[in-house]
C-alpha atoms as a PDB file:
ATOM      1  CA  MET A   1       0.000   0.000   0.000  1.00  0.00           C
ATOM      2  CA  GLU A   2       1.965   3.003  -1.291  1.00  0.00           C
ATOM      3  CA  LEU A   3       0.434   6.281  -0.114  1.00  0.00           C
ATOM      4  CA  ALA A   4       3.419   8.298   1.142  1.00  0.00           C
ATOM      5  CA  ASN A   5       3.513  11.876  -0.155  1.00  0.00           C
ATOM      6  CA  LYS A   6       0.103  11.658  -1.757  1.00  0.00           C
ATOM      7  CA  VAL A   7      -2.373  14.460  -1.049  1.00  0.00           C
ATOM      8  CA  ALA A   8      -5.907  14.108   0.267  1.00  0.00           C
ATOM      9  CA  LEU A   9      -8.767  16.482   0.929  1.00  0.00           C
ATOM     10  CA  VAL A  10     -11.166  15.252   3.612  1.00  0.00           C
ATOM     11  CA  THR A  11     -14.468  17.018   4.265  1.00  0.00           C
ATOM     12  CA  GLY A  12     -16.124  16.835   7.654  1.00  0.00           C
ATOM     13  CA  ALA A  13     -12.634  16.277   9.016  1.00  0.00           C
ATOM     14  CA  GLY A  14     -13.229  17.849  12.410  1.00  0.00           C
ATOM     15  CA  SER A  15     -14.774  14.791  14.035  1.00  0.00           C
ATOM     16  CA  GLY A  16     -16.180  11.309  13.584  1.00  0.00           C
ATOM     17  CA  ILE A  17     -15.497   9.357  10.409  1.00  0.00           C
ATOM     18  CA  GLY A  18     -13.789  12.296   8.695  1.00  0.00           C
ATOM     19  CA  LYS A  19     -11.310  12.787  11.508  1.00  0.00           C
ATOM     20  CA  ALA A  20     -10.618   9.060  11.833  1.00  0.00           C
ATOM     21  CA  ALA A  21      -9.927   8.809   8.098  1.00  0.00           C
ATOM     22  CA  ALA A  22      -7.681  11.872   8.130  1.00  0.00           C
ATOM     23  CA  VAL A  23      -5.660  10.399  11.001  1.00  0.00           C
ATOM     24  CA  LEU A  24      -5.249   7.021   9.309  1.00  0.00           C
ATOM     25  CA  LEU A  25      -4.252   8.597   5.997  1.00  0.00           C
ATOM     26  CA  ALA A  26      -1.677  10.781   7.744  1.00  0.00           C
ATOM     27  CA  GLU A  27      -0.326   7.738   9.552  1.00  0.00           C
ATOM     28  CA  LYS A  28       0.354   6.223   6.107  1.00  0.00           C
ATOM     29  CA  GLY A  29       2.226   9.324   4.960  1.00  0.00           C
ATOM     30  CA  VAL A  30      -0.562  11.205   3.168  1.00  0.00           C
ATOM     31  CA  LYS A  31      -0.611  15.002   3.267  1.00  0.00           C
ATOM     32  CA  VAL A  32      -4.089  16.066   4.364  1.00  0.00           C
ATOM     33  CA  ALA A  33      -6.212  19.159   3.812  1.00  0.00           C
ATOM     34  CA  ALA A  34      -8.770  18.886   6.618  1.00  0.00           C
ATOM     35  CA  LEU A  35     -11.935  20.742   5.651  1.00  0.00           C
ATOM     36  CA  GLY A  36     -14.695  21.715   8.040  1.00  0.00           C
ATOM     37  CA  ARG A  37     -16.555  24.634   9.533  1.00  0.00           C
ATOM     38  CA  LYS A  38     -14.986  24.983  12.995  1.00  0.00           C
ATOM     39  CA  ASP A  39     -11.545  26.554  13.057  1.00  0.00           C
ATOM     40  CA  ASP A  40     -10.497  25.419  16.552  1.00  0.00           C
ATOM     41  CA  GLU A  41     -11.630  21.861  15.898  1.00  0.00           C
ATOM     42  CA  LEU A  42      -9.701  21.666  12.633  1.00  0.00           C
ATOM     43  CA  LYS A  43      -6.539  23.119  14.143  1.00  0.00           C
ATOM     44  CA  ASP A  44      -6.635  20.401  16.806  1.00  0.00           C
ATOM     45  CA  VAL A  45      -7.021  17.755  14.107  1.00  0.00           C
ATOM     46  CA  VAL A  46      -4.134  19.171  12.086  1.00  0.00           C
ATOM     47  CA  ARG A  47      -1.864  19.118  15.129  1.00  0.00           C
ATOM     48  CA  GLU A  48      -2.736  15.460  15.586  1.00  0.00           C
ATOM     49  CA  LEU A  49      -1.974  14.704  11.935  1.00  0.00           C
ATOM     50  CA  GLU A  50       1.364  16.499  12.055  1.00  0.00           C
ATOM     51  CA  ARG A  51       2.517  14.160  14.819  1.00  0.00           C
ATOM     52  CA  PHE A  52       2.951  11.536  12.088  1.00  0.00           C
ATOM     53  CA  GLY A  53       5.559  13.736  10.415  1.00  0.00           C
ATOM     54  CA  VAL A  54       3.366  14.748   7.477  1.00  0.00           C
ATOM     55  CA  GLU A  55       2.185  18.129   6.297  1.00  0.00           C
ATOM     56  CA  ALA A  56      -1.433  19.029   6.957  1.00  0.00           C
ATOM     57  CA  MET A  57      -3.545  22.149   6.857  1.00  0.00           C
ATOM     58  CA  PRO A  58      -6.962  23.233   8.096  1.00  0.00           C
ATOM     59  CA  VAL A  59      -9.401  24.512   5.484  1.00  0.00           C
ATOM     60  CA  ILE A  60     -12.482  26.378   6.642  1.00  0.00           C
ATOM     61  CA  GLY A  61     -15.317  25.865   4.196  1.00  0.00           C
ATOM     62  CA  ASP A  62     -18.959  25.065   3.598  1.00  0.00           C
ATOM     63  CA  ILE A  63     -19.307  22.220   1.090  1.00  0.00           C
ATOM     64  CA  SER A  64     -22.610  23.617  -0.148  1.00  0.00           C
ATOM     65  CA  LYS A  65     -21.000  26.860  -1.339  1.00  0.00           C
ATOM     66  CA  PRO A  66     -19.172  26.775  -4.703  1.00  0.00           C
ATOM     67  CA  GLU A  67     -16.857  29.620  -3.769  1.00  0.00           C
ATOM     68  CA  ASP A  68     -15.704  27.795  -0.629  1.00  0.00           C
ATOM     69  CA  MET A  69     -14.871  24.605  -2.513  1.00  0.00           C
ATOM     70  CA  ILE A  70     -13.083  26.491  -5.296  1.00  0.00           C
ATOM     71  CA  GLN A  71     -10.953  28.233  -2.674  1.00  0.00           C
ATOM     72  CA  ALA A  72     -10.298  24.946  -0.874  1.00  0.00           C
ATOM     73  CA  TYR A  73      -8.780  23.362  -3.960  1.00  0.00           C
ATOM     74  CA  GLN A  74      -6.856  26.536  -4.737  1.00  0.00           C
ATOM     75  CA  LYS A  75      -5.210  26.189  -1.324  1.00  0.00           C
ATOM     76  CA  VAL A  76      -4.343  22.551  -2.058  1.00  0.00           C
ATOM     77  CA  GLU A  77      -2.889  23.579  -5.428  1.00  0.00           C
ATOM     78  CA  GLU A  78      -0.824  26.376  -3.911  1.00  0.00           C
ATOM     79  CA  LYS A  79       0.537  24.278  -1.049  1.00  0.00           C
ATOM     80  CA  TRP A  80       1.166  20.920  -2.694  1.00  0.00           C
ATOM     81  CA  GLY A  81       0.519  21.250  -6.428  1.00  0.00           C
ATOM     82  CA  ARG A  82      -1.370  17.966  -6.661  1.00  0.00           C
ATOM     83  CA  LEU A  83      -4.359  16.013  -5.374  1.00  0.00           C
ATOM     84  CA  ASP A  84      -4.736  12.236  -5.207  1.00  0.00           C
ATOM     85  CA  ILE A  85      -7.566  11.445  -2.797  1.00  0.00           C
ATOM     86  CA  VAL A  86     -10.906  13.111  -2.076  1.00  0.00           C
ATOM     87  CA  PHE A  87     -13.020  11.886   0.808  1.00  0.00           C
ATOM     88  CA  ALA A  88     -16.431  13.575   0.381  1.00  0.00           C
ATOM     89  CA  ASN A  89     -17.668  12.787   3.842  1.00  0.00           C
ATOM     90  CA  ALA A  90     -19.384  15.879   5.252  1.00  0.00           C
ATOM     91  CA  GLY A  91     -23.150  15.833   5.646  1.00  0.00           C
ATOM     92  CA  ILE A  92     -26.089  16.204   7.988  1.00  0.00           C
ATOM     93  CA  ASN A  93     -29.014  14.066   9.094  1.00  0.00           C
ATOM     94  CA  GLY A  94     -31.257  17.113   9.013  1.00  0.00           C
ATOM     95  CA  VAL A  95     -34.922  16.990  10.009  1.00  0.00           C
ATOM     96  CA  TRP A  96     -36.699  13.650  10.254  1.00  0.00           C
ATOM     97  CA  ALA A  97     -40.456  14.253  10.148  1.00  0.00           C
ATOM     98  CA  PRO A  98     -43.626  13.110   8.385  1.00  0.00           C
ATOM     99  CA  LEU A  99     -43.719  14.421   4.832  1.00  0.00           C
ATOM    100  CA  GLU A 100     -46.674  16.694   5.571  1.00  0.00           C
ATOM    101  CA  ASP A 101     -44.750  18.246   8.466  1.00  0.00           C
ATOM    102  CA  LEU A 102     -41.417  18.590   6.670  1.00  0.00           C
ATOM    103  CA  GLU A 103     -40.909  22.190   5.642  1.00  0.00           C
ATOM    104  CA  VAL A 104     -39.652  22.964   2.150  1.00  0.00           C
ATOM    105  CA  GLU A 105     -36.711  24.847   3.656  1.00  0.00           C
ATOM    106  CA  GLU A 106     -35.771  21.793   5.739  1.00  0.00           C
ATOM    107  CA  TRP A 107     -35.887  19.541   2.681  1.00  0.00           C
ATOM    108  CA  GLU A 108     -33.797  21.982   0.665  1.00  0.00           C
ATOM    109  CA  LYS A 109     -31.170  22.367   3.397  1.00  0.00           C
ATOM    110  CA  THR A 110     -30.561  18.607   3.551  1.00  0.00           C
ATOM    111  CA  ILE A 111     -30.398  18.346  -0.236  1.00  0.00           C
ATOM    112  CA  LYS A 112     -28.082  21.347  -0.485  1.00  0.00           C
ATOM    113  CA  ILE A 113     -25.553  20.079   2.042  1.00  0.00           C
ATOM    114  CA  ASN A 114     -25.615  16.338   1.377  1.00  0.00           C
ATOM    115  CA  LEU A 115     -26.137  16.162  -2.378  1.00  0.00           C
ATOM    116  CA  THR A 116     -25.108  19.533  -3.783  1.00  0.00           C
ATOM    117  CA  GLY A 117     -22.199  19.496  -1.339  1.00  0.00           C
ATOM    118  CA  THR A 118     -21.034  16.150  -2.731  1.00  0.00           C
ATOM    119  CA  PHE A 119     -21.397  17.473  -6.279  1.00  0.00           C
ATOM    120  CA  LEU A 120     -19.297  20.568  -5.515  1.00  0.00           C
ATOM    121  CA  THR A 121     -16.663  18.595  -3.609  1.00  0.00           C
ATOM    122  CA  VAL A 122     -16.164  16.290  -6.581  1.00  0.00           C
ATOM    123  CA  LYS A 123     -16.668  18.824  -9.390  1.00  0.00           C
ATOM    124  CA  TYR A 124     -13.940  21.209  -8.309  1.00  0.00           C
ATOM    125  CA  ALA A 125     -11.487  18.398  -7.507  1.00  0.00           C
ATOM    126  CA  ILE A 126     -11.483  17.043 -11.060  1.00  0.00           C
ATOM    127  CA  PRO A 127      -8.917  19.391 -12.664  1.00  0.00           C
ATOM    128  CA  LEU A 128      -6.335  18.459 -10.024  1.00  0.00           C
ATOM    129  CA  LEU A 129      -7.185  14.748 -10.013  1.00  0.00           C
ATOM    130  CA  LYS A 130      -6.926  14.505 -13.805  1.00  0.00           C
ATOM    131  CA  ARG A 131      -3.173  15.150 -13.659  1.00  0.00           C
ATOM    132  CA  ASN A 132      -2.255  11.856 -11.983  1.00  0.00           C
ATOM    133  CA  GLY A 133      -5.490   9.975 -11.480  1.00  0.00           C
ATOM    134  CA  GLY A 134      -6.764   9.258  -8.014  1.00  0.00           C
ATOM    135  CA  SER A 135      -9.556   8.082  -5.772  1.00  0.00           C
ATOM    136  CA  ILE A 136     -12.820   9.719  -4.754  1.00  0.00           C
ATOM    137  CA  ILE A 137     -14.703   8.208  -1.818  1.00  0.00           C
ATOM    138  CA  ILE A 138     -18.207   9.379  -0.937  1.00  0.00           C
ATOM    139  CA  THR A 139     -19.960   8.745   2.368  1.00  0.00           C
ATOM    140  CA  SER A 140     -23.531   7.573   1.832  1.00  0.00           C
ATOM    141  CA  SER A 141     -25.468   5.386   4.316  1.00  0.00           C
ATOM    142  CA  ILE A 142     -27.445   2.202   4.698  1.00  0.00           C
ATOM    143  CA  ASN A 143     -30.446   4.573   4.750  1.00  0.00           C
ATOM    144  CA  GLY A 144     -31.703   5.071   1.223  1.00  0.00           C
ATOM    145  CA  THR A 145     -29.622   2.205  -0.134  1.00  0.00           C
ATOM    146  CA  ARG A 146     -30.751  -0.857   1.852  1.00  0.00           C
ATOM    147  CA  VAL A 147     -32.796   0.476   4.758  1.00  0.00           C
ATOM    148  CA  PHE A 148     -36.086   2.362   4.343  1.00  0.00           C
ATOM    149  CA  SER A 149     -37.663   1.818   7.760  1.00  0.00           C
ATOM    150  CA  ASN A 150     -36.422   5.005   9.415  1.00  0.00           C
ATOM    151  CA  THR A 151     -39.691   6.863   9.124  1.00  0.00           C
ATOM    152  CA  GLY A 152     -39.304  10.589   8.530  1.00  0.00           C
ATOM    153  CA  ALA A 153     -35.784  10.393   7.135  1.00  0.00           C
ATOM    154  CA  THR A 154     -37.105  11.070   3.627  1.00  0.00           C
ATOM    155  CA  ALA A 155     -34.829  13.977   2.749  1.00  0.00           C
ATOM    156  CA  TYR A 156     -31.765  12.309   4.240  1.00  0.00           C
ATOM    157  CA  SER A 157     -32.409   8.929   2.598  1.00  0.00           C
ATOM    158  CA  SER A 158     -33.085  10.574  -0.756  1.00  0.00           C
ATOM    159  CA  THR A 159     -29.687  12.261  -0.666  1.00  0.00           C
ATOM    160  CA  LYS A 160     -27.960   9.037   0.314  1.00  0.00           C
ATOM    161  CA  ALA A 161     -29.553   7.136  -2.571  1.00  0.00           C
ATOM    162  CA  ALA A 162     -28.704   9.951  -4.976  1.00  0.00           C
ATOM    163  CA  GLN A 163     -25.054   9.918  -3.920  1.00  0.00           C
ATOM    164  CA  VAL A 164     -24.780   6.306  -5.113  1.00  0.00           C
ATOM    165  CA  ALA A 165     -26.274   7.153  -8.522  1.00  0.00           C
ATOM    166  CA  PHE A 166     -24.014  10.201  -8.745  1.00  0.00           C
ATOM    167  CA  ALA A 167     -20.932   8.085  -8.018  1.00  0.00           C
ATOM    168  CA  LYS A 168     -21.809   5.528 -10.695  1.00  0.00           C
ATOM    169  CA  MET A 169     -22.329   8.222 -13.319  1.00  0.00           C
ATOM    170  CA  VAL A 170     -19.109  10.007 -12.438  1.00  0.00           C
ATOM    171  CA  ALA A 171     -17.101   6.770 -12.195  1.00  0.00           C
ATOM    172  CA  LEU A 172     -17.724   6.082 -15.882  1.00  0.00           C
ATOM    173  CA  GLU A 173     -17.108   9.681 -16.880  1.00  0.00           C
ATOM    174  CA  LEU A 174     -13.743   9.831 -15.121  1.00  0.00           C
ATOM    175  CA  ALA A 175     -12.458   6.322 -15.822  1.00  0.00           C
ATOM    176  CA  ASP A 176     -10.339   7.445 -18.788  1.00  0.00           C
ATOM    177  CA  TYR A 177      -8.425   9.694 -16.398  1.00  0.00           C
ATOM    178  CA  LYS A 178      -7.754   6.815 -13.968  1.00  0.00           C
ATOM    179  CA  ILE A 179      -9.939   8.466 -11.367  1.00  0.00           C
ATOM    180  CA  ARG A 180     -11.912   5.933  -9.334  1.00  0.00           C
ATOM    181  CA  VAL A 181     -15.179   6.834  -7.593  1.00  0.00           C
ATOM    182  CA  ASN A 182     -16.663   4.658  -4.871  1.00  0.00           C
ATOM    183  CA  VAL A 183     -19.196   4.940  -2.067  1.00  0.00           C
ATOM    184  CA  ILE A 184     -19.182   3.746   1.518  1.00  0.00           C
ATOM    185  CA  CYS A 185     -22.499   3.041   3.232  1.00  0.00           C
ATOM    186  CA  PRO A 186     -22.073   2.944   7.018  1.00  0.00           C
ATOM    187  CA  GLY A 187     -24.696   1.579   9.366  1.00  0.00           C
ATOM    188  CA  ALA A 188     -24.766   2.394  13.059  1.00  0.00           C
ATOM    189  CA  ILE A 189     -21.403   4.005  13.785  1.00  0.00           C
ATOM    190  CA  THR A 190     -20.472   5.760  17.004  1.00  0.00           C
ATOM    191  CA  THR A 191     -20.127   9.418  15.922  1.00  0.00           C
ATOM    192  CA  ASN A 192     -21.766  12.718  16.807  1.00  0.00           C
ATOM    193  CA  ILE A 193     -23.928  12.999  13.654  1.00  0.00           C
ATOM    194  CA  ASP A 194     -27.083  12.388  15.689  1.00  0.00           C
ATOM    195  CA  SER A 195     -26.477  15.773  17.300  1.00  0.00           C
ATOM    196  CA  ASN A 196     -27.604  17.428  14.046  1.00  0.00           C
ATOM    197  CA  THR A 197     -30.772  15.322  13.745  1.00  0.00           C
ATOM    198  CA  GLU A 198     -34.133  16.884  14.567  1.00  0.00           C
ATOM    199  CA  ARG A 199     -36.907  14.303  14.968  1.00  0.00           C
ATOM    200  CA  ARG A 200     -40.452  15.664  14.903  1.00  0.00           C
ATOM    201  CA  ASN A 201     -43.832  13.881  15.130  1.00  0.00           C
ATOM    202  CA  ILE A 202     -42.365  10.637  13.783  1.00  0.00           C
ATOM    203  CA  GLU A 203     -44.391   8.347  16.047  1.00  0.00           C
ATOM    204  CA  GLU A 204     -47.594   9.550  14.384  1.00  0.00           C
ATOM    205  CA  VAL A 205     -46.726   7.868  11.080  1.00  0.00           C
ATOM    206  CA  LYS A 206     -44.125   5.244  11.929  1.00  0.00           C
ATOM    207  CA  GLU A 207     -45.003   1.685  10.957  1.00  0.00           C
ATOM    208  CA  PRO A 208     -44.505  -0.776  13.839  1.00  0.00           C
ATOM    209  CA  VAL A 209     -41.291  -2.692  13.326  1.00  0.00           C
ATOM    210  CA  GLU A 210     -40.026  -5.415  15.642  1.00  0.00           C
ATOM    211  CA  TYR A 211     -36.257  -5.592  15.405  1.00  0.00           C
ATOM    212  CA  PRO A 212     -34.418  -8.800  16.262  1.00  0.00           C
ATOM    213  CA  GLU A 213     -32.256  -8.868  19.342  1.00  0.00           C
ATOM    214  CA  GLY A 214     -28.725  -7.806  18.488  1.00  0.00           C
ATOM    215  CA  GLN A 215     -29.656  -6.148  15.201  1.00  0.00           C
ATOM    216  CA  ILE A 216     -25.967  -5.888  14.211  1.00  0.00           C
ATOM    217  CA  PRO A 217     -25.101  -9.577  13.776  1.00  0.00           C
ATOM    218  CA  LEU A 218     -21.307  -9.311  13.776  1.00  0.00           C
ATOM    219  CA  THR A 219     -21.164  -7.442  17.072  1.00  0.00           C
ATOM    220  CA  ASP A 220     -24.259  -8.587  19.010  1.00  0.00           C
ATOM    221  CA  GLY A 221     -25.837  -5.179  18.563  1.00  0.00           C
ATOM    222  CA  LYS A 222     -22.796  -3.014  19.263  1.00  0.00           C
ATOM    223  CA  SER A 223     -22.271  -0.072  16.901  1.00  0.00           C
ATOM    224  CA  GLY A 224     -19.230   0.095  14.679  1.00  0.00           C
ATOM    225  CA  THR A 225     -16.470   2.669  15.135  1.00  0.00           C
ATOM    226  CA  ALA A 226     -15.252   5.553  13.046  1.00  0.00           C
ATOM    227  CA  GLU A 227     -11.864   3.846  12.937  1.00  0.00           C
ATOM    228  CA  GLN A 228     -13.370   0.762  11.291  1.00  0.00           C
ATOM    229  CA  VAL A 229     -14.898   2.954   8.594  1.00  0.00           C
ATOM    230  CA  ALA A 230     -11.557   4.735   8.183  1.00  0.00           C
ATOM    231  CA  GLN A 231      -9.929   1.397   7.342  1.00  0.00           C
ATOM    232  CA  LEU A 232     -12.366   1.033   4.438  1.00  0.00           C
ATOM    233  CA  VAL A 233     -11.579   4.565   3.289  1.00  0.00           C
ATOM    234  CA  LEU A 234      -7.877   3.737   3.409  1.00  0.00           C
ATOM    235  CA  PHE A 235      -8.439   0.633   1.266  1.00  0.00           C
ATOM    236  CA  LEU A 236     -10.407   2.576  -1.342  1.00  0.00           C
ATOM    237  CA  ALA A 237      -7.810   5.358  -1.358  1.00  0.00           C
ATOM    238  CA  SER A 238      -4.957   2.943  -1.942  1.00  0.00           C
ATOM    239  CA  ASP A 239      -3.737   0.915  -4.900  1.00  0.00           C
ATOM    240  CA  LEU A 240      -5.117  -2.211  -3.223  1.00  0.00           C
ATOM    241  CA  SER A 241      -8.464  -1.196  -4.740  1.00  0.00           C
ATOM    242  CA  ASP A 242      -7.135  -0.053  -8.116  1.00  0.00           C
ATOM    243  CA  HIS A 243      -9.680  -2.137 -10.085  1.00  0.00           C
ATOM    244  CA  ILE A 244     -12.719  -0.998  -8.090  1.00  0.00           C
ATOM    245  CA  THR A 245     -14.867   1.915  -9.234  1.00  0.00           C
ATOM    246  CA  GLY A 246     -18.545   2.799  -9.306  1.00  0.00           C
ATOM    247  CA  THR A 247     -19.156   0.514  -6.349  1.00  0.00           C
ATOM    248  CA  GLU A 248     -21.000   0.964  -3.079  1.00  0.00           C
ATOM    249  CA  ILE A 249     -19.764  -0.955  -0.038  1.00  0.00           C
ATOM    250  CA  TRP A 250     -21.898  -1.415   3.059  1.00  0.00           C
ATOM    251  CA  ILE A 251     -20.025  -1.340   6.349  1.00  0.00           C
ATOM    252  CA  ASP A 252     -22.604  -2.189   8.972  1.00  0.00           C
ATOM    253  CA  GLY A 253     -21.845  -5.581  10.486  1.00  0.00           C
ATOM    254  CA  GLY A 254     -24.806  -7.068   8.588  1.00  0.00           C
ATOM    255  CA  GLN A 255     -27.269  -4.591  10.131  1.00  0.00           C
ATOM    256  CA  SER A 256     -28.995  -3.666   6.880  1.00  0.00           C
ATOM    257  CA  LEU A 257     -29.547  -7.316   5.995  1.00  0.00           C
ATOM    258  CA  LEU A 258     -31.796  -7.600   9.055  1.00  0.00           C
ATOM    259  CA  ILE A 259     -33.661  -4.300   9.153  1.00  0.00           C
ATOM    260  CA  GLY A 260     -34.019  -3.359   5.508  1.00  0.00           C
END
């Protein structure tokens, strides 16, 4: 696995899966641009990355704003002159509510961050990635791809399903440039993403579902870790996966096979 001196941009790098992936990439010698919205959080992450003896930099940006993503890649270009890996990980759960209760603005916010944000993250990376080829990894979810029983998560699940279609389209478009595009679909992972979930009036419309005991078969119900997901990101970023593109991979301990 040869990754030393390659360059990665990781969105949502301040915590959770994004941070874990940034740390693991840095440990393997990758230079990392850690993108997020909280300056102090990113500076702490960068200090942690630099302990591995690699260069890293914080990049403040909103993935849903074209100007922010253009500037982010300009900074990568100016500092390192290349880009090899893009981990489009940032996103929100948004509002989970019955469709009649879901406000148009709430729907649009989730779409803008999760789907338009993925589009912008990938779109503006292409000129740099075309120079040497590379790997794009997108964080989707079991929701919208295998699981549809989380009542009220309509906006979120729609974006997660759309990310998979987006990746397949782009994988074919970019194949001639040796740019691979793949999707990871985590299940229950211990992160802080639930802190940006607003649940409202869900019990009014939720279908009764009786889940089996230990609904994550591999771990007797215990959630996975951000570090486990980071290992998958590392694999997809590396030459060990150099014949894989346009593919979604579920990382959920078998959870979605039970509750889909």
